[in-house]
Amino acid sequence: TRAQLATMKPGAVLVDVAIDQGGCFET
């Protein structure tokens, strides 16, 4: 979720391979 981004390390990377199906990260 977007709220979880605040718990992550600044500059960390999300790679969304599921984006063709809408993506598996809220953002």
PDB file of all heavy atoms in Angstrom:
ATOM      1  N   THR A   1       0.828  -1.201   0.000  1.00  0.00           N
ATOM      2  CA  THR A   1       0.000   0.000   0.000  1.00  0.00           C
ATOM      3  C   THR A   1       0.869   1.260   0.000  1.00  0.00           C
ATOM      4  O   THR A   1       2.070   1.211   0.310  1.00  0.00           O
ATOM      5  CB  THR A   1      -0.910   0.035   1.232  1.00  0.00           C
ATOM      6  OG1 THR A   1      -0.089   0.178   2.406  1.00  0.00           O
ATOM      7  CG2 THR A   1      -1.736  -1.244   1.341  1.00  0.00           C
ATOM      8  N   ARG A   2       0.228   2.378  -0.281  1.00  0.00           N
ATOM      9  CA  ARG A   2       0.972   3.643  -0.234  1.00  0.00           C
ATOM     10  C   ARG A   2       1.467   3.925   1.186  1.00  0.00           C
ATOM     11  O   ARG A   2       2.578   4.425   1.374  1.00  0.00           O
ATOM     12  CB  ARG A   2       0.105   4.799  -0.726  1.00  0.00           C
ATOM     13  CG  ARG A   2       0.852   6.131  -0.654  1.00  0.00           C
ATOM     14  CD  ARG A   2       0.268   7.201  -1.520  1.00  0.00           C
ATOM     15  NE  ARG A   2       1.160   8.358  -1.567  1.00  0.00           N
ATOM     16  CZ  ARG A   2       1.036   9.365  -2.411  1.00  0.00           C
ATOM     17  NH1 ARG A   2       0.052   9.379  -3.296  1.00  0.00           N
ATOM     18  NH2 ARG A   2       1.900  10.378  -2.390  1.00  0.00           N
ATOM     19  N   ALA A   3       0.653   3.579   2.176  1.00  0.00           N
ATOM     20  CA  ALA A   3       1.065   3.819   3.563  1.00  0.00           C
ATOM     21  C   ALA A   3       2.355   3.083   3.892  1.00  0.00           C
ATOM     22  O   ALA A   3       3.178   3.571   4.681  1.00  0.00           O
ATOM     23  CB  ALA A   3      -0.050   3.401   4.515  1.00  0.00           C
ATOM     24  N   GLN A   4       2.569   1.924   3.278  1.00  0.00           N
ATOM     25  CA  GLN A   4       3.775   1.149   3.561  1.00  0.00           C
ATOM     26  C   GLN A   4       5.031   1.802   2.999  1.00  0.00           C
ATOM     27  O   GLN A   4       6.144   1.501   3.460  1.00  0.00           O
ATOM     28  CB  GLN A   4       3.628  -0.270   3.002  1.00  0.00           C
ATOM     29  CG  GLN A   4       2.697  -1.152   3.821  1.00  0.00           C
ATOM     30  CD  GLN A   4       2.510  -2.517   3.183  1.00  0.00           C
ATOM     31  OE1 GLN A   4       1.640  -2.698   2.335  1.00  0.00           O
ATOM     32  NE2 GLN A   4       3.343  -3.463   3.571  1.00  0.00           N
ATOM     33  N   LEU A   5       4.886   2.664   2.011  1.00  0.00           N
ATOM     34  CA  LEU A   5       6.074   3.314   1.459  1.00  0.00           C
ATOM     35  C   LEU A   5       6.816   4.102   2.530  1.00  0.00           C
ATOM     36  O   LEU A   5       8.048   4.207   2.486  1.00  0.00           O
ATOM     37  CB  LEU A   5       5.689   4.244   0.303  1.00  0.00           C
ATOM     38  CG  LEU A   5       4.975   3.630  -0.910  1.00  0.00           C
ATOM     39  CD1 LEU A   5       4.863   4.661  -2.033  1.00  0.00           C
ATOM     40  CD2 LEU A   5       5.668   2.375  -1.404  1.00  0.00           C
ATOM     41  N   ALA A   6       6.069   4.645   3.488  1.00  0.00           N
ATOM     42  CA  ALA A   6       6.693   5.431   4.560  1.00  0.00           C
ATOM     43  C   ALA A   6       7.580   4.576   5.448  1.00  0.00           C
ATOM     44  O   ALA A   6       8.457   5.102   6.147  1.00  0.00           O
ATOM     45  CB  ALA A   6       5.615   6.121   5.391  1.00  0.00           C
ATOM     46  N   THR A   7       7.364   3.266   5.450  1.00  0.00           N
ATOM     47  CA  THR A   7       8.179   2.369   6.273  1.00  0.00           C
ATOM     48  C   THR A   7       9.442   1.922   5.551  1.00  0.00           C
ATOM     49  O   THR A   7      10.327   1.324   6.162  1.00  0.00           O
ATOM     50  CB  THR A   7       7.372   1.118   6.665  1.00  0.00           C
ATOM     51  OG1 THR A   7       7.185   0.271   5.496  1.00  0.00           O
ATOM     52  CG2 THR A   7       6.012   1.486   7.229  1.00  0.00           C
ATOM     53  N   MET A   8       9.549   2.208   4.255  1.00  0.00           N
ATOM     54  CA  MET A   8      10.668   1.717   3.458  1.00  0.00           C
ATOM     55  C   MET A   8      11.867   2.665   3.533  1.00  0.00           C
ATOM     56  O   MET A   8      11.742   3.817   3.936  1.00  0.00           O
ATOM     57  CB  MET A   8      10.236   1.527   1.995  1.00  0.00           C
ATOM     58  CG  MET A   8       9.139   0.483   1.795  1.00  0.00           C
ATOM     59  SD  MET A   8       8.679   0.282   0.045  1.00  0.00           S
ATOM     60  CE  MET A   8      10.197  -0.438  -0.620  1.00  0.00           C
ATOM     61  N   LYS A   9      13.006   2.156   3.123  1.00  0.00           N
ATOM     62  CA  LYS A   9      14.220   2.962   3.077  1.00  0.00           C
ATOM     63  C   LYS A   9      14.118   3.975   1.937  1.00  0.00           C
ATOM     64  O   LYS A   9      13.756   3.609   0.816  1.00  0.00           O
ATOM     65  CB  LYS A   9      15.428   2.055   2.835  1.00  0.00           C
ATOM     66  CG  LYS A   9      15.632   0.960   3.866  1.00  0.00           C
ATOM     67  CD  LYS A   9      16.736   0.011   3.405  1.00  0.00           C
ATOM     68  CE  LYS A   9      16.944  -1.135   4.380  1.00  0.00           C
ATOM     69  NZ  LYS A   9      17.954  -2.103   3.879  1.00  0.00           N
ATOM     70  N   PRO A  10      14.430   5.241   2.198  1.00  0.00           N
ATOM     71  CA  PRO A  10      14.417   6.231   1.120  1.00  0.00           C
ATOM     72  C   PRO A  10      15.314   5.794  -0.036  1.00  0.00           C
ATOM     73  O   PRO A  10      16.452   5.368   0.175  1.00  0.00           O
ATOM     74  CB  PRO A  10      14.945   7.499   1.789  1.00  0.00           C
ATOM     75  CG  PRO A  10      14.622   7.308   3.237  1.00  0.00           C
ATOM     76  CD  PRO A  10      14.775   5.833   3.502  1.00  0.00           C
ATOM     77  N   GLY A  11      14.787   5.898  -1.256  1.00  0.00           N
ATOM     78  CA  GLY A  11      15.553   5.485  -2.423  1.00  0.00           C
ATOM     79  C   GLY A  11      15.467   4.014  -2.754  1.00  0.00           C
ATOM     80  O   GLY A  11      16.105   3.554  -3.706  1.00  0.00           O
ATOM     81  N   ALA A  12      14.678   3.243  -1.975  1.00  0.00           N
ATOM     82  CA  ALA A  12      14.439   1.846  -2.326  1.00  0.00           C
ATOM     83  C   ALA A  12      13.629   1.792  -3.623  1.00  0.00           C
ATOM     84  O   ALA A  12      13.029   2.774  -4.052  1.00  0.00           O
ATOM     85  CB  ALA A  12      13.704   1.127  -1.200  1.00  0.00           C
ATOM     86  N   VAL A  13      13.620   0.619  -4.251  1.00  0.00           N
ATOM     87  CA  VAL A  13      13.024   0.482  -5.581  1.00  0.00           C
ATOM     88  C   VAL A  13      11.938  -0.581  -5.577  1.00  0.00           C
ATOM     89  O   VAL A  13      12.135  -1.681  -5.039  1.00  0.00           O
ATOM     90  CB  VAL A  13      14.100   0.105  -6.618  1.00  0.00           C
ATOM     91  CG1 VAL A  13      13.470  -0.179  -7.983  1.00  0.00           C
ATOM     92  CG2 VAL A  13      15.142   1.211  -6.736  1.00  0.00           C
ATOM     93  N   LEU A  14      10.794  -0.242  -6.193  1.00  0.00           N
ATOM     94  CA  LEU A  14       9.737  -1.213  -6.479  1.00  0.00           C
ATOM     95  C   LEU A  14       9.751  -1.494  -7.975  1.00  0.00           C
ATOM     96  O   LEU A  14       9.661  -0.564  -8.785  1.00  0.00           O
ATOM     97  CB  LEU A  14       8.366  -0.667  -6.087  1.00  0.00           C
ATOM     98  CG  LEU A  14       8.134  -0.302  -4.608  1.00  0.00           C
ATOM     99  CD1 LEU A  14       6.738   0.282  -4.437  1.00  0.00           C
ATOM    100  CD2 LEU A  14       8.321  -1.522  -3.719  1.00  0.00           C
ATOM    101  N   VAL A  15       9.879  -2.753  -8.365  1.00  0.00           N
ATOM    102  CA  VAL A  15       9.800  -3.163  -9.772  1.00  0.00           C
ATOM    103  C   VAL A  15       8.518  -3.971  -9.927  1.00  0.00           C
ATOM    104  O   VAL A  15       8.395  -5.063  -9.374  1.00  0.00           O
ATOM    105  CB  VAL A  15      11.025  -4.009 -10.196  1.00  0.00           C
ATOM    106  CG1 VAL A  15      10.896  -4.418 -11.665  1.00  0.00           C
ATOM    107  CG2 VAL A  15      12.318  -3.244  -9.965  1.00  0.00           C
ATOM    108  N   ASP A  16       7.557  -3.423 -10.676  1.00  0.00           N
ATOM    109  CA  ASP A  16       6.237  -4.057 -10.779  1.00  0.00           C
ATOM    110  C   ASP A  16       6.114  -4.773 -12.124  1.00  0.00           C
ATOM    111  O   ASP A  16       5.755  -4.183 -13.134  1.00  0.00           O
ATOM    112  CB  ASP A  16       5.135  -3.008 -10.627  1.00  0.00           C
ATOM    113  CG  ASP A  16       3.800  -3.643 -10.273  1.00  0.00           C
ATOM    114  OD1 ASP A  16       3.631  -4.846 -10.548  1.00  0.00           O
ATOM    115  OD2 ASP A  16       2.938  -2.942  -9.713  1.00  0.00           O
ATOM    116  N   VAL A  17       6.395  -6.072 -12.106  1.00  0.00           N
ATOM    117  CA  VAL A  17       6.296  -6.864 -13.333  1.00  0.00           C
ATOM    118  C   VAL A  17       4.830  -7.185 -13.655  1.00  0.00           C
ATOM    119  O   VAL A  17       4.510  -7.579 -14.772  1.00  0.00           O
ATOM    120  CB  VAL A  17       7.132  -8.152 -13.221  1.00  0.00           C
ATOM    121  CG1 VAL A  17       7.181  -8.893 -14.543  1.00  0.00           C
ATOM    122  CG2 VAL A  17       8.556  -7.833 -12.766  1.00  0.00           C
ATOM    123  N   ALA A  18       3.935  -6.988 -12.691  1.00  0.00           N
ATOM    124  CA  ALA A  18       2.513  -7.257 -12.894  1.00  0.00           C
ATOM    125  C   ALA A  18       1.754  -6.057 -13.445  1.00  0.00           C
ATOM    126  O   ALA A  18       0.527  -6.060 -13.467  1.00  0.00           O
ATOM    127  CB  ALA A  18       1.884  -7.703 -11.566  1.00  0.00           C
ATOM    128  N   ILE A  19       2.459  -5.042 -13.922  1.00  0.00           N
ATOM    129  CA  ILE A  19       1.798  -3.797 -14.319  1.00  0.00           C
ATOM    130  C   ILE A  19       0.846  -4.001 -15.494  1.00  0.00           C
ATOM    131  O   ILE A  19      -0.158  -3.287 -15.628  1.00  0.00           O
ATOM    132  CB  ILE A  19       2.850  -2.700 -14.629  1.00  0.00           C
ATOM    133  CG1 ILE A  19       2.193  -1.325 -14.739  1.00  0.00           C
ATOM    134  CG2 ILE A  19       3.648  -3.060 -15.862  1.00  0.00           C
ATOM    135  CD1 ILE A  19       1.558  -0.828 -13.468  1.00  0.00           C
ATOM    136  N   ASP A  20       1.105  -4.999 -16.357  1.00  0.00           N
ATOM    137  CA  ASP A  20       0.177  -5.280 -17.461  1.00  0.00           C
ATOM    138  C   ASP A  20      -1.213  -5.642 -16.949  1.00  0.00           C
ATOM    139  O   ASP A  20      -2.201  -5.447 -17.648  1.00  0.00           O
ATOM    140  CB  ASP A  20       0.701  -6.435 -18.322  1.00  0.00           C
ATOM    141  CG  ASP A  20       1.613  -5.949 -19.439  1.00  0.00           C
ATOM    142  OD1 ASP A  20       1.498  -4.775 -19.823  1.00  0.00           O
ATOM    143  OD2 ASP A  20       2.436  -6.736 -19.920  1.00  0.00           O
ATOM    144  N   GLN A  21      -1.255  -6.212 -15.744  1.00  0.00           N
ATOM    145  CA  GLN A  21      -2.540  -6.592 -15.147  1.00  0.00           C
ATOM    146  C   GLN A  21      -2.959  -5.597 -14.072  1.00  0.00           C
ATOM    147  O   GLN A  21      -3.694  -5.945 -13.158  1.00  0.00           O
ATOM    148  CB  GLN A  21      -2.448  -8.001 -14.562  1.00  0.00           C
ATOM    149  CG  GLN A  21      -2.261  -9.096 -15.597  1.00  0.00           C
ATOM    150  CD  GLN A  21      -3.467  -9.284 -16.506  1.00  0.00           C
ATOM    151  OE1 GLN A  21      -3.341  -9.456 -17.715  1.00  0.00           O
ATOM    152  NE2 GLN A  21      -4.650  -9.255 -15.942  1.00  0.00           N
ATOM    153  N   GLY A  22      -2.477  -4.371 -14.161  1.00  0.00           N
ATOM    154  CA  GLY A  22      -2.879  -3.330 -13.233  1.00  0.00           C
ATOM    155  C   GLY A  22      -1.881  -3.051 -12.134  1.00  0.00           C
ATOM    156  O   GLY A  22      -2.001  -2.047 -11.425  1.00  0.00           O
ATOM    157  N   GLY A  23      -0.888  -3.933 -11.970  1.00  0.00           N
ATOM    158  CA  GLY A  23       0.151  -3.708 -10.965  1.00  0.00           C
ATOM    159  C   GLY A  23      -0.210  -4.258  -9.607  1.00  0.00           C
ATOM    160  O   GLY A  23      -1.371  -4.294  -9.214  1.00  0.00           O
ATOM    161  N   CYS A  24       0.811  -4.685  -8.841  1.00  0.00           N
ATOM    162  CA  CYS A  24       0.555  -5.248  -7.513  1.00  0.00           C
ATOM    163  C   CYS A  24       1.005  -4.324  -6.380  1.00  0.00           C
ATOM    164  O   CYS A  24       1.017  -4.715  -5.224  1.00  0.00           O
ATOM    165  CB  CYS A  24       1.171  -6.634  -7.368  1.00  0.00           C
ATOM    166  SG  CYS A  24       2.928  -6.741  -7.663  1.00  0.00           S
ATOM    167  N   PHE A  25       1.375  -3.082  -6.726  1.00  0.00           N
ATOM    168  CA  PHE A  25       1.624  -2.052  -5.719  1.00  0.00           C
ATOM    169  C   PHE A  25       0.570  -0.955  -5.901  1.00  0.00           C
ATOM    170  O   PHE A  25       0.241  -0.586  -7.028  1.00  0.00           O
ATOM    171  CB  PHE A  25       3.026  -1.458  -5.868  1.00  0.00           C
ATOM    172  CG  PHE A  25       4.135  -2.480  -5.908  1.00  0.00           C
ATOM    173  CD1 PHE A  25       5.124  -2.422  -6.891  1.00  0.00           C
ATOM    174  CD2 PHE A  25       4.186  -3.505  -4.977  1.00  0.00           C
ATOM    175  CE1 PHE A  25       6.143  -3.349  -6.932  1.00  0.00           C
ATOM    176  CE2 PHE A  25       5.209  -4.453  -5.020  1.00  0.00           C
ATOM    177  CZ  PHE A  25       6.187  -4.377  -5.996  1.00  0.00           C
ATOM    178  N   GLU A  26       0.060  -0.444  -4.801  1.00  0.00           N
ATOM    179  CA  GLU A  26      -1.021   0.536  -4.880  1.00  0.00           C
ATOM    180  C   GLU A  26      -0.615   1.780  -5.663  1.00  0.00           C
ATOM    181  O   GLU A  26      -1.446   2.413  -6.339  1.00  0.00           O
ATOM    182  CB  GLU A  26      -1.469   0.933  -3.468  1.00  0.00           C
ATOM    183  CG  GLU A  26      -2.674   1.861  -3.449  1.00  0.00           C
ATOM    184  CD  GLU A  26      -3.093   2.260  -2.039  1.00  0.00           C
ATOM    185  OE1 GLU A  26      -2.352   1.962  -1.076  1.00  0.00           O
ATOM    186  OE2 GLU A  26      -4.176   2.862  -1.904  1.00  0.00           O
ATOM    187  N   THR A  27       0.657   2.123  -5.611  1.00  0.00           N
ATOM    188  CA  THR A  27       1.135   3.355  -6.251  1.00  0.00           C
ATOM    189  C   THR A  27       1.694   3.125  -7.653  1.00  0.00           C
ATOM    190  O   THR A  27       2.294   4.023  -8.238  1.00  0.00           O
ATOM    191  CB  THR A  27       2.210   3.994  -5.360  1.00  0.00           C
ATOM    192  OG1 THR A  27       3.131   2.968  -4.916  1.00  0.00           O
ATOM    193  CG2 THR A  27       1.590   4.664  -4.150  1.00  0.00           C
TER     194      THR A  27
END
